[in-house]
Amino acid sequence: MKFCSQCGASVSLRIPSGDNRPRYVCDRCLTVHYQNPRVVAGCLPVWEGRILLCRRAIAPRQGFWTLPAGFMENGETLEQAAARETLEEACARVTDLHLYTVFDLPHISQIYMFFRANLVDLDFSAGEESLEVGLFEESDIPWGELAFPTVGRTLECFFADRIRQDYPVRNEGIAPMLAQYKKAPT
């Protein structure tokens, strides 16, 4: 950040009075510009035991499979964000959303929150951010082609929990992705 969004003056990175972390502070109006983690909301959409996945058409991880998810917008609830992202990425409508996994990713200042949800019907297709979408049985999940560790971990939890028919809300930290992850499948 170089300029204040309030008055346009330059900003400096310093610890404001009464704080304990460096923040961008306007040199003129003294507005403190806080930078906080971004919230990613998404769904694990289920239809008769199969999971709806989307192949990403955009970076990062273009060409890899994911659950429909994206950044929460101002003015919406977590559930609304998860349902909206599912509609945008898979043209799919969901119901019966239940918070399922919460992942802390402090290394990229993000929080991922996935809801278990039921597909309303089989009327789905690739949205603008997806190359294709499809329903997958557990045995057909493209495990080596998943876009993000949060997606893989959510799927692992779901298939384990499904055996017991008990779906506790889980909160875990996720380590940084390793540089050796392979390129997108062709």
N, C-alpha and C. Protein backbone atom coordinates (compact mmCIF):
# COMPACT_ATOMS: atom_id res chain seq x y z
N MET A 1 0.85 -1.17 0.00
CA MET A 1 0.00 0.00 0.00
C MET A 1 0.90 1.23 0.00
N LYS A 2 0.58 2.17 -0.87
CA LYS A 2 1.39 3.38 -0.97
C LYS A 2 0.64 4.66 -0.60
N PHE A 3 -0.70 4.63 -0.81
CA PHE A 3 -1.48 5.84 -0.60
C PHE A 3 -2.72 5.57 0.24
N CYS A 4 -3.14 6.56 0.98
CA CYS A 4 -4.30 6.48 1.85
C CYS A 4 -5.59 6.49 1.03
N SER A 5 -6.50 5.58 1.32
CA SER A 5 -7.78 5.54 0.61
C SER A 5 -8.75 6.61 1.12
N GLN A 6 -8.41 7.27 2.22
CA GLN A 6 -9.26 8.34 2.76
C GLN A 6 -8.91 9.70 2.18
N CYS A 7 -7.60 10.02 2.09
CA CYS A 7 -7.22 11.37 1.66
C CYS A 7 -6.21 11.38 0.51
N GLY A 8 -5.67 10.24 0.15
CA GLY A 8 -4.75 10.15 -0.98
C GLY A 8 -3.29 10.43 -0.65
N ALA A 9 -2.99 10.78 0.58
CA ALA A 9 -1.60 11.06 0.97
C ALA A 9 -0.83 9.73 1.07
N SER A 10 0.49 9.84 1.18
CA SER A 10 1.31 8.64 1.30
C SER A 10 1.11 8.01 2.68
N VAL A 11 1.40 6.70 2.74
CA VAL A 11 1.30 5.97 4.01
C VAL A 11 2.67 5.43 4.37
N SER A 12 2.84 5.16 5.65
CA SER A 12 4.08 4.57 6.17
C SER A 12 3.71 3.33 6.97
N LEU A 13 4.60 2.36 6.93
CA LEU A 13 4.41 1.15 7.72
C LEU A 13 5.04 1.38 9.09
N ARG A 14 4.20 1.43 10.13
CA ARG A 14 4.69 1.68 11.48
C ARG A 14 3.68 1.13 12.48
N ILE A 15 4.10 1.06 13.73
CA ILE A 15 3.21 0.58 14.80
C ILE A 15 2.46 1.79 15.35
N PRO A 16 1.14 1.83 15.14
CA PRO A 16 0.37 2.97 15.66
C PRO A 16 0.33 2.95 17.19
N SER A 17 0.09 4.08 17.76
CA SER A 17 -0.04 4.21 19.21
C SER A 17 -1.14 3.28 19.69
N GLY A 18 -0.86 2.50 20.75
CA GLY A 18 -1.83 1.59 21.32
C GLY A 18 -1.94 0.27 20.60
N ASP A 19 -1.09 0.02 19.62
CA ASP A 19 -1.11 -1.22 18.86
C ASP A 19 0.20 -1.96 19.10
N ASN A 20 0.31 -3.17 18.56
CA ASN A 20 1.54 -3.93 18.73
C ASN A 20 2.04 -4.54 17.43
N ARG A 21 1.43 -4.14 16.31
CA ARG A 21 1.82 -4.67 15.00
C ARG A 21 2.02 -3.52 14.01
N PRO A 22 2.94 -3.71 13.08
CA PRO A 22 3.09 -2.68 12.04
C PRO A 22 1.83 -2.62 11.17
N ARG A 23 1.39 -1.42 10.90
CA ARG A 23 0.21 -1.16 10.06
C ARG A 23 0.55 -0.01 9.11
N TYR A 24 -0.17 0.04 8.01
CA TYR A 24 -0.03 1.20 7.14
C TYR A 24 -0.84 2.34 7.75
N VAL A 25 -0.16 3.47 7.99
CA VAL A 25 -0.78 4.63 8.62
C VAL A 25 -0.56 5.83 7.70
N CYS A 26 -1.65 6.57 7.47
CA CYS A 26 -1.56 7.75 6.61
C CYS A 26 -0.69 8.80 7.28
N ASP A 27 0.22 9.37 6.51
CA ASP A 27 1.13 10.39 7.02
C ASP A 27 0.42 11.72 7.26
N ARG A 28 -0.74 11.93 6.62
CA ARG A 28 -1.48 13.19 6.77
C ARG A 28 -2.65 13.06 7.75
N CYS A 29 -3.60 12.18 7.46
CA CYS A 29 -4.83 12.12 8.28
C CYS A 29 -4.74 11.07 9.39
N LEU A 30 -3.67 10.30 9.43
CA LEU A 30 -3.38 9.31 10.45
C LEU A 30 -4.35 8.11 10.46
N THR A 31 -5.09 7.92 9.35
CA THR A 31 -5.96 6.75 9.25
C THR A 31 -5.09 5.50 9.27
N VAL A 32 -5.50 4.52 10.09
CA VAL A 32 -4.80 3.25 10.15
C VAL A 32 -5.50 2.31 9.17
N HIS A 33 -4.75 1.73 8.25
CA HIS A 33 -5.30 0.82 7.24
C HIS A 33 -5.00 -0.61 7.67
N TYR A 34 -5.99 -1.26 8.26
CA TYR A 34 -5.84 -2.63 8.73
C TYR A 34 -5.95 -3.58 7.55
N GLN A 35 -5.13 -4.60 7.57
CA GLN A 35 -5.20 -5.66 6.56
C GLN A 35 -5.48 -6.94 7.32
N ASN A 36 -6.64 -7.52 7.03
CA ASN A 36 -7.09 -8.70 7.76
C ASN A 36 -7.24 -9.89 6.83
N PRO A 37 -7.31 -11.09 7.40
CA PRO A 37 -7.44 -12.28 6.56
C PRO A 37 -8.70 -12.22 5.70
N ARG A 38 -8.61 -12.87 4.55
CA ARG A 38 -9.75 -12.98 3.64
C ARG A 38 -10.45 -14.30 3.92
N VAL A 39 -11.77 -14.28 3.85
CA VAL A 39 -12.58 -15.46 4.11
C VAL A 39 -13.02 -16.08 2.78
N VAL A 40 -12.73 -17.37 2.64
CA VAL A 40 -13.17 -18.15 1.48
C VAL A 40 -14.30 -19.05 1.95
N ALA A 41 -15.45 -18.97 1.28
CA ALA A 41 -16.60 -19.80 1.64
C ALA A 41 -16.94 -20.70 0.47
N GLY A 42 -17.30 -21.94 0.78
CA GLY A 42 -17.63 -22.87 -0.29
C GLY A 42 -18.50 -24.00 0.20
N CYS A 43 -18.84 -24.87 -0.74
CA CYS A 43 -19.72 -26.00 -0.44
C CYS A 43 -19.09 -27.31 -0.86
N LEU A 44 -19.49 -28.33 -0.15
CA LEU A 44 -19.26 -29.72 -0.52
C LEU A 44 -20.65 -30.22 -0.94
N PRO A 45 -21.00 -30.03 -2.23
CA PRO A 45 -22.34 -30.38 -2.69
C PRO A 45 -22.48 -31.88 -2.93
N VAL A 46 -23.53 -32.47 -2.36
CA VAL A 46 -23.72 -33.92 -2.42
C VAL A 46 -25.04 -34.24 -3.13
N TRP A 47 -24.98 -35.27 -3.98
CA TRP A 47 -26.17 -35.83 -4.61
C TRP A 47 -26.06 -37.35 -4.57
N GLU A 48 -26.91 -37.97 -3.78
CA GLU A 48 -26.93 -39.42 -3.65
C GLU A 48 -25.53 -40.00 -3.43
N GLY A 49 -24.79 -39.39 -2.51
CA GLY A 49 -23.47 -39.87 -2.14
C GLY A 49 -22.33 -39.41 -3.02
N ARG A 50 -22.65 -38.80 -4.14
CA ARG A 50 -21.60 -38.30 -5.04
C ARG A 50 -21.35 -36.82 -4.75
N ILE A 51 -20.12 -36.39 -5.03
CA ILE A 51 -19.68 -35.03 -4.74
C ILE A 51 -19.52 -34.25 -6.04
N LEU A 52 -20.01 -33.01 -6.05
CA LEU A 52 -19.86 -32.14 -7.21
C LEU A 52 -18.52 -31.41 -7.12
N LEU A 53 -17.68 -31.60 -8.13
CA LEU A 53 -16.39 -30.93 -8.22
C LEU A 53 -16.35 -30.08 -9.49
N CYS A 54 -15.51 -29.06 -9.45
CA CYS A 54 -15.32 -28.15 -10.58
C CYS A 54 -13.84 -28.17 -10.98
N ARG A 55 -13.58 -28.22 -12.29
CA ARG A 55 -12.20 -28.07 -12.78
C ARG A 55 -11.99 -26.58 -13.04
N ARG A 56 -10.98 -26.01 -12.37
CA ARG A 56 -10.75 -24.57 -12.41
C ARG A 56 -10.34 -24.08 -13.80
N ALA A 57 -10.98 -22.98 -14.23
CA ALA A 57 -10.64 -22.33 -15.49
C ALA A 57 -9.75 -21.12 -15.26
N ILE A 58 -9.48 -20.81 -14.00
CA ILE A 58 -8.71 -19.61 -13.66
C ILE A 58 -7.55 -19.95 -12.74
N ALA A 59 -6.59 -19.05 -12.70
CA ALA A 59 -5.48 -19.16 -11.75
C ALA A 59 -6.00 -18.75 -10.37
N PRO A 60 -5.43 -19.22 -9.31
CA PRO A 60 -4.34 -20.18 -9.29
C PRO A 60 -4.86 -21.61 -9.48
N ARG A 61 -3.96 -22.47 -9.86
CA ARG A 61 -4.23 -23.90 -10.01
C ARG A 61 -5.24 -24.20 -11.12
N GLN A 62 -5.13 -23.44 -12.20
CA GLN A 62 -5.99 -23.67 -13.37
C GLN A 62 -5.83 -25.11 -13.84
N GLY A 63 -6.96 -25.75 -14.17
CA GLY A 63 -6.95 -27.11 -14.65
C GLY A 63 -7.09 -28.16 -13.56
N PHE A 64 -6.99 -27.76 -12.31
CA PHE A 64 -7.13 -28.69 -11.20
C PHE A 64 -8.57 -28.68 -10.69
N TRP A 65 -8.95 -29.74 -9.98
CA TRP A 65 -10.30 -29.91 -9.46
C TRP A 65 -10.44 -29.29 -8.08
N THR A 66 -11.62 -28.76 -7.81
CA THR A 66 -11.89 -28.12 -6.53
C THR A 66 -13.36 -28.24 -6.17
N LEU A 67 -13.66 -27.97 -4.93
CA LEU A 67 -15.04 -27.75 -4.52
C LEU A 67 -15.38 -26.30 -4.86
N PRO A 68 -16.63 -26.00 -5.19
CA PRO A 68 -16.97 -24.61 -5.49
C PRO A 68 -16.80 -23.73 -4.26
N ALA A 69 -15.98 -22.68 -4.40
CA ALA A 69 -15.69 -21.79 -3.28
C ALA A 69 -15.06 -20.51 -3.81
N GLY A 70 -15.12 -19.48 -2.99
CA GLY A 70 -14.50 -18.21 -3.37
C GLY A 70 -14.59 -17.21 -2.23
N PHE A 71 -14.07 -16.03 -2.48
CA PHE A 71 -14.02 -15.01 -1.44
C PHE A 71 -15.41 -14.49 -1.11
N MET A 72 -15.63 -14.36 0.17
CA MET A 72 -16.87 -13.80 0.68
C MET A 72 -16.95 -12.32 0.31
N GLU A 73 -18.13 -11.85 -0.02
CA GLU A 73 -18.35 -10.44 -0.37
C GLU A 73 -18.92 -9.70 0.84
N ASN A 74 -18.70 -8.40 0.87
CA ASN A 74 -19.31 -7.58 1.91
C ASN A 74 -20.83 -7.69 1.79
N GLY A 75 -21.50 -7.69 2.92
CA GLY A 75 -22.95 -7.68 2.93
C GLY A 75 -23.60 -9.04 2.78
N GLU A 76 -22.83 -10.12 2.83
CA GLU A 76 -23.45 -11.44 2.75
C GLU A 76 -22.99 -12.30 3.92
N THR A 77 -23.81 -13.30 4.25
CA THR A 77 -23.47 -14.25 5.30
C THR A 77 -22.55 -15.32 4.71
N LEU A 78 -21.96 -16.12 5.58
CA LEU A 78 -21.14 -17.24 5.11
C LEU A 78 -21.95 -18.18 4.23
N GLU A 79 -23.16 -18.53 4.69
CA GLU A 79 -24.01 -19.42 3.91
C GLU A 79 -24.35 -18.83 2.55
N GLN A 80 -24.67 -17.56 2.52
CA GLN A 80 -24.97 -16.91 1.24
C GLN A 80 -23.76 -16.92 0.32
N ALA A 81 -22.58 -16.68 0.86
CA ALA A 81 -21.37 -16.70 0.05
C ALA A 81 -21.11 -18.08 -0.52
N ALA A 82 -21.26 -19.12 0.31
CA ALA A 82 -21.02 -20.49 -0.15
C ALA A 82 -22.02 -20.88 -1.24
N ALA A 83 -23.29 -20.54 -1.04
CA ALA A 83 -24.31 -20.86 -2.04
C ALA A 83 -24.07 -20.07 -3.33
N ARG A 84 -23.70 -18.79 -3.20
CA ARG A 84 -23.43 -17.96 -4.39
C ARG A 84 -22.26 -18.52 -5.18
N GLU A 85 -21.19 -18.89 -4.50
CA GLU A 85 -20.02 -19.43 -5.20
C GLU A 85 -20.37 -20.74 -5.91
N THR A 86 -21.21 -21.56 -5.30
CA THR A 86 -21.62 -22.81 -5.93
C THR A 86 -22.44 -22.51 -7.18
N LEU A 87 -23.30 -21.53 -7.11
CA LEU A 87 -24.10 -21.13 -8.28
C LEU A 87 -23.20 -20.54 -9.37
N GLU A 88 -22.24 -19.70 -9.00
CA GLU A 88 -21.36 -19.07 -9.98
C GLU A 88 -20.44 -20.08 -10.67
N GLU A 89 -19.86 -20.99 -9.90
CA GLU A 89 -18.85 -21.89 -10.45
C GLU A 89 -19.42 -23.16 -11.07
N ALA A 90 -20.57 -23.59 -10.58
CA ALA A 90 -21.14 -24.85 -11.07
C ALA A 90 -22.59 -24.71 -11.55
N CYS A 91 -23.09 -23.48 -11.56
CA CYS A 91 -24.49 -23.24 -11.95
C CYS A 91 -25.42 -24.18 -11.19
N ALA A 92 -25.06 -24.48 -9.95
CA ALA A 92 -25.81 -25.44 -9.14
C ALA A 92 -26.43 -24.74 -7.93
N ARG A 93 -27.61 -25.18 -7.59
CA ARG A 93 -28.29 -24.67 -6.41
C ARG A 93 -28.18 -25.71 -5.30
N VAL A 94 -27.95 -25.21 -4.08
CA VAL A 94 -27.78 -26.10 -2.92
C VAL A 94 -28.76 -25.72 -1.81
N THR A 95 -29.00 -26.69 -0.95
CA THR A 95 -29.88 -26.49 0.19
C THR A 95 -29.30 -27.23 1.40
N ASP A 96 -29.88 -27.01 2.57
CA ASP A 96 -29.46 -27.69 3.80
C ASP A 96 -27.96 -27.54 4.07
N LEU A 97 -27.48 -26.32 4.06
CA LEU A 97 -26.06 -26.05 4.31
C LEU A 97 -25.75 -26.20 5.80
N HIS A 98 -24.67 -26.93 6.09
CA HIS A 98 -24.19 -27.11 7.47
C HIS A 98 -22.69 -26.87 7.48
N LEU A 99 -22.24 -25.96 8.35
CA LEU A 99 -20.81 -25.70 8.46
C LEU A 99 -20.09 -27.01 8.74
N TYR A 100 -19.01 -27.25 8.02
CA TYR A 100 -18.34 -28.54 8.14
C TYR A 100 -16.84 -28.42 8.44
N THR A 101 -16.11 -27.69 7.61
CA THR A 101 -14.67 -27.55 7.86
C THR A 101 -14.27 -26.08 7.86
N VAL A 102 -13.36 -25.77 8.78
CA VAL A 102 -12.80 -24.42 8.89
C VAL A 102 -11.29 -24.60 8.90
N PHE A 103 -10.61 -23.95 7.95
CA PHE A 103 -9.16 -24.09 7.85
C PHE A 103 -8.49 -22.74 8.01
N ASP A 104 -7.48 -22.71 8.86
CA ASP A 104 -6.66 -21.52 9.05
C ASP A 104 -5.42 -21.63 8.16
N LEU A 105 -5.21 -20.62 7.33
CA LEU A 105 -4.04 -20.57 6.46
C LEU A 105 -3.30 -19.25 6.71
N PRO A 106 -2.65 -19.12 7.87
CA PRO A 106 -2.02 -17.84 8.21
C PRO A 106 -0.91 -17.44 7.25
N HIS A 107 -0.27 -18.40 6.59
CA HIS A 107 0.82 -18.09 5.66
C HIS A 107 0.34 -17.32 4.43
N ILE A 108 -0.96 -17.36 4.14
CA ILE A 108 -1.51 -16.56 3.03
C ILE A 108 -2.66 -15.68 3.51
N SER A 109 -2.81 -15.57 4.82
CA SER A 109 -3.83 -14.71 5.44
C SER A 109 -5.24 -15.01 4.91
N GLN A 110 -5.59 -16.30 4.93
CA GLN A 110 -6.92 -16.71 4.51
C GLN A 110 -7.52 -17.69 5.51
N ILE A 111 -8.85 -17.72 5.51
CA ILE A 111 -9.62 -18.69 6.28
C ILE A 111 -10.59 -19.33 5.30
N TYR A 112 -10.58 -20.66 5.22
CA TYR A 112 -11.50 -21.40 4.36
C TYR A 112 -12.60 -22.00 5.21
N MET A 113 -13.84 -21.88 4.75
CA MET A 113 -14.99 -22.43 5.46
C MET A 113 -15.88 -23.15 4.45
N PHE A 114 -15.98 -24.48 4.62
CA PHE A 114 -16.80 -25.28 3.72
C PHE A 114 -18.05 -25.76 4.44
N PHE A 115 -19.16 -25.75 3.72
CA PHE A 115 -20.44 -26.25 4.19
C PHE A 115 -20.77 -27.55 3.48
N ARG A 116 -21.26 -28.55 4.21
CA ARG A 116 -21.89 -29.69 3.57
C ARG A 116 -23.23 -29.19 3.05
N ALA A 117 -23.60 -29.61 1.86
CA ALA A 117 -24.86 -29.15 1.28
C ALA A 117 -25.41 -30.21 0.35
N ASN A 118 -26.70 -30.15 0.12
CA ASN A 118 -27.34 -31.04 -0.84
C ASN A 118 -27.64 -30.28 -2.11
N LEU A 119 -27.37 -30.92 -3.24
CA LEU A 119 -27.77 -30.33 -4.51
C LEU A 119 -29.29 -30.36 -4.60
N VAL A 120 -29.88 -29.31 -5.12
CA VAL A 120 -31.33 -29.23 -5.27
C VAL A 120 -31.79 -30.16 -6.38
N ASP A 121 -30.98 -30.23 -7.45
CA ASP A 121 -31.31 -31.07 -8.60
C ASP A 121 -30.03 -31.31 -9.40
N LEU A 122 -30.16 -31.95 -10.52
CA LEU A 122 -29.00 -32.26 -11.36
C LEU A 122 -28.80 -31.22 -12.47
N ASP A 123 -29.42 -30.08 -12.33
CA ASP A 123 -29.28 -29.00 -13.30
C ASP A 123 -28.04 -28.18 -12.94
N PHE A 124 -26.87 -28.64 -13.38
CA PHE A 124 -25.62 -27.93 -13.13
C PHE A 124 -24.79 -27.95 -14.40
N SER A 125 -23.86 -27.02 -14.48
CA SER A 125 -22.95 -26.92 -15.63
C SER A 125 -21.79 -26.03 -15.24
N ALA A 126 -20.78 -25.98 -16.08
CA ALA A 126 -19.60 -25.17 -15.79
C ALA A 126 -19.95 -23.69 -15.86
N GLY A 127 -19.62 -22.98 -14.79
CA GLY A 127 -19.75 -21.52 -14.79
C GLY A 127 -18.52 -20.91 -15.42
N GLU A 128 -18.44 -19.59 -15.41
CA GLU A 128 -17.33 -18.88 -16.06
C GLU A 128 -15.96 -19.24 -15.50
N GLU A 129 -15.89 -19.61 -14.23
CA GLU A 129 -14.60 -19.91 -13.61
C GLU A 129 -14.27 -21.39 -13.63
N SER A 130 -15.08 -22.19 -14.33
CA SER A 130 -14.87 -23.64 -14.38
C SER A 130 -14.77 -24.12 -15.82
N LEU A 131 -13.85 -25.07 -16.03
CA LEU A 131 -13.73 -25.71 -17.34
C LEU A 131 -14.79 -26.78 -17.52
N GLU A 132 -15.05 -27.50 -16.42
CA GLU A 132 -16.08 -28.55 -16.42
C GLU A 132 -16.45 -28.83 -14.98
N VAL A 133 -17.60 -29.46 -14.80
CA VAL A 133 -18.06 -29.89 -13.48
C VAL A 133 -18.58 -31.31 -13.60
N GLY A 134 -18.54 -32.02 -12.48
CA GLY A 134 -19.03 -33.38 -12.51
C GLY A 134 -19.27 -33.94 -11.13
N LEU A 135 -20.11 -34.97 -11.08
CA LEU A 135 -20.36 -35.69 -9.84
C LEU A 135 -19.41 -36.87 -9.74
N PHE A 136 -18.82 -37.05 -8.56
CA PHE A 136 -17.80 -38.08 -8.36
C PHE A 136 -18.15 -38.99 -7.19
N GLU A 137 -18.06 -40.28 -7.43
CA GLU A 137 -18.08 -41.25 -6.34
C GLU A 137 -16.73 -41.15 -5.63
N GLU A 138 -16.65 -41.64 -4.41
CA GLU A 138 -15.39 -41.59 -3.66
C GLU A 138 -14.25 -42.23 -4.46
N SER A 139 -14.51 -43.35 -5.09
CA SER A 139 -13.46 -44.06 -5.83
C SER A 139 -13.01 -43.33 -7.09
N ASP A 140 -13.78 -42.34 -7.53
CA ASP A 140 -13.45 -41.61 -8.76
C ASP A 140 -12.85 -40.23 -8.52
N ILE A 141 -12.73 -39.84 -7.26
CA ILE A 141 -12.16 -38.51 -6.96
C ILE A 141 -10.76 -38.43 -7.56
N PRO A 142 -10.45 -37.37 -8.32
CA PRO A 142 -9.11 -37.22 -8.89
C PRO A 142 -8.12 -36.68 -7.83
N TRP A 143 -7.78 -37.53 -6.87
CA TRP A 143 -6.98 -37.11 -5.71
C TRP A 143 -5.69 -36.41 -6.10
N GLY A 144 -5.03 -36.87 -7.14
CA GLY A 144 -3.77 -36.26 -7.55
C GLY A 144 -3.93 -34.97 -8.33
N GLU A 145 -5.17 -34.59 -8.60
CA GLU A 145 -5.44 -33.39 -9.39
C GLU A 145 -6.28 -32.38 -8.63
N LEU A 146 -6.28 -32.45 -7.30
CA LEU A 146 -7.04 -31.48 -6.51
C LEU A 146 -6.25 -30.19 -6.39
N ALA A 147 -6.96 -29.08 -6.47
CA ALA A 147 -6.33 -27.76 -6.52
C ALA A 147 -5.67 -27.34 -5.22
N PHE A 148 -6.32 -27.65 -4.09
CA PHE A 148 -5.85 -27.09 -2.82
C PHE A 148 -5.93 -28.13 -1.70
N PRO A 149 -5.02 -28.05 -0.74
CA PRO A 149 -5.07 -28.97 0.40
C PRO A 149 -6.38 -28.89 1.18
N THR A 150 -7.00 -27.71 1.22
CA THR A 150 -8.27 -27.57 1.93
C THR A 150 -9.36 -28.44 1.30
N VAL A 151 -9.32 -28.58 -0.01
CA VAL A 151 -10.31 -29.40 -0.73
C VAL A 151 -10.07 -30.88 -0.42
N GLY A 152 -8.83 -31.31 -0.53
CA GLY A 152 -8.50 -32.70 -0.24
C GLY A 152 -8.84 -33.08 1.18
N ARG A 153 -8.52 -32.20 2.12
CA ARG A 153 -8.80 -32.51 3.53
C ARG A 153 -10.30 -32.55 3.79
N THR A 154 -11.06 -31.66 3.20
CA THR A 154 -12.52 -31.67 3.37
C THR A 154 -13.10 -32.98 2.84
N LEU A 155 -12.63 -33.41 1.68
CA LEU A 155 -13.11 -34.68 1.10
C LEU A 155 -12.72 -35.87 1.97
N GLU A 156 -11.49 -35.89 2.47
CA GLU A 156 -11.05 -36.97 3.36
C GLU A 156 -11.96 -37.06 4.59
N CYS A 157 -12.23 -35.91 5.20
CA CYS A 157 -13.08 -35.89 6.38
C CYS A 157 -14.48 -36.39 6.05
N PHE A 158 -15.02 -35.93 4.93
CA PHE A 158 -16.37 -36.32 4.55
C PHE A 158 -16.50 -37.83 4.37
N PHE A 159 -15.58 -38.41 3.64
CA PHE A 159 -15.69 -39.85 3.39
C PHE A 159 -15.49 -40.66 4.66
N ALA A 160 -14.64 -40.19 5.57
CA ALA A 160 -14.47 -40.87 6.86
C ALA A 160 -15.71 -40.69 7.73
N ASP A 161 -16.25 -39.49 7.77
CA ASP A 161 -17.41 -39.21 8.61
C ASP A 161 -18.68 -39.88 8.08
N ARG A 162 -18.74 -40.06 6.78
CA ARG A 162 -19.92 -40.66 6.16
C ARG A 162 -20.13 -42.10 6.67
N ILE A 163 -19.04 -42.79 6.95
CA ILE A 163 -19.13 -44.16 7.46
C ILE A 163 -19.90 -44.19 8.78
N ARG A 164 -19.63 -43.22 9.65
CA ARG A 164 -20.28 -43.15 10.97
C ARG A 164 -21.58 -42.34 10.95
N GLN A 165 -21.82 -41.64 9.84
CA GLN A 165 -22.98 -40.73 9.74
C GLN A 165 -22.94 -39.68 10.85
N ASP A 166 -21.73 -39.21 11.15
CA ASP A 166 -21.51 -38.16 12.14
C ASP A 166 -20.56 -37.15 11.51
N TYR A 167 -21.00 -35.89 11.40
CA TYR A 167 -20.24 -34.87 10.68
C TYR A 167 -19.92 -33.70 11.61
N PRO A 168 -18.91 -33.86 12.49
CA PRO A 168 -18.57 -32.75 13.38
C PRO A 168 -17.94 -31.60 12.60
N VAL A 169 -18.09 -30.40 13.12
CA VAL A 169 -17.40 -29.25 12.53
C VAL A 169 -15.93 -29.39 12.89
N ARG A 170 -15.08 -29.26 11.90
CA ARG A 170 -13.64 -29.42 12.12
C ARG A 170 -12.92 -28.10 11.87
N ASN A 171 -11.94 -27.81 12.72
CA ASN A 171 -11.10 -26.62 12.56
C ASN A 171 -9.66 -27.07 12.60
N GLU A 172 -8.94 -26.83 11.52
CA GLU A 172 -7.55 -27.27 11.41
C GLU A 172 -6.71 -26.19 10.72
N GLY A 173 -5.43 -26.25 10.96
CA GLY A 173 -4.49 -25.42 10.23
C GLY A 173 -4.01 -26.19 9.01
N ILE A 174 -3.67 -25.46 7.97
CA ILE A 174 -3.16 -26.07 6.74
C ILE A 174 -1.79 -25.47 6.44
N ALA A 175 -0.81 -26.33 6.20
CA ALA A 175 0.55 -25.88 5.90
C ALA A 175 0.63 -25.34 4.48
N PRO A 176 1.66 -24.55 4.19
CA PRO A 176 1.83 -24.02 2.83
C PRO A 176 1.96 -25.15 1.81
N MET A 177 1.46 -24.90 0.60
CA MET A 177 1.63 -25.87 -0.49
C MET A 177 3.10 -25.90 -0.87
N LEU A 178 3.58 -27.06 -1.21
CA LEU A 178 4.97 -27.22 -1.58
C LEU A 178 5.21 -26.84 -3.04
N ALA A 179 6.38 -26.33 -3.32
CA ALA A 179 6.72 -25.88 -4.67
C ALA A 179 6.72 -27.04 -5.66
N GLN A 180 6.90 -28.27 -5.20
CA GLN A 180 7.00 -29.40 -6.12
C GLN A 180 5.64 -29.90 -6.62
N TYR A 181 4.52 -29.23 -6.23
CA TYR A 181 3.22 -29.66 -6.78
C TYR A 181 3.31 -29.64 -8.29
N LYS A 182 2.75 -30.65 -8.89
CA LYS A 182 2.85 -30.76 -10.34
C LYS A 182 1.99 -29.72 -11.05
N LYS A 183 2.26 -29.56 -12.32
CA LYS A 183 1.51 -28.62 -13.14
C LYS A 183 0.12 -29.17 -13.40
N ALA A 184 -0.73 -28.32 -13.91
CA ALA A 184 -2.11 -28.72 -14.21
C ALA A 184 -2.13 -29.88 -15.19
N PRO A 185 -3.07 -30.79 -14.98
CA PRO A 185 -3.21 -31.93 -15.90
C PRO A 185 -3.63 -31.44 -17.28
N THR A 186 -3.28 -32.21 -18.28
CA THR A 186 -3.66 -31.81 -19.64
C THR A 186 -4.79 -32.65 -20.17
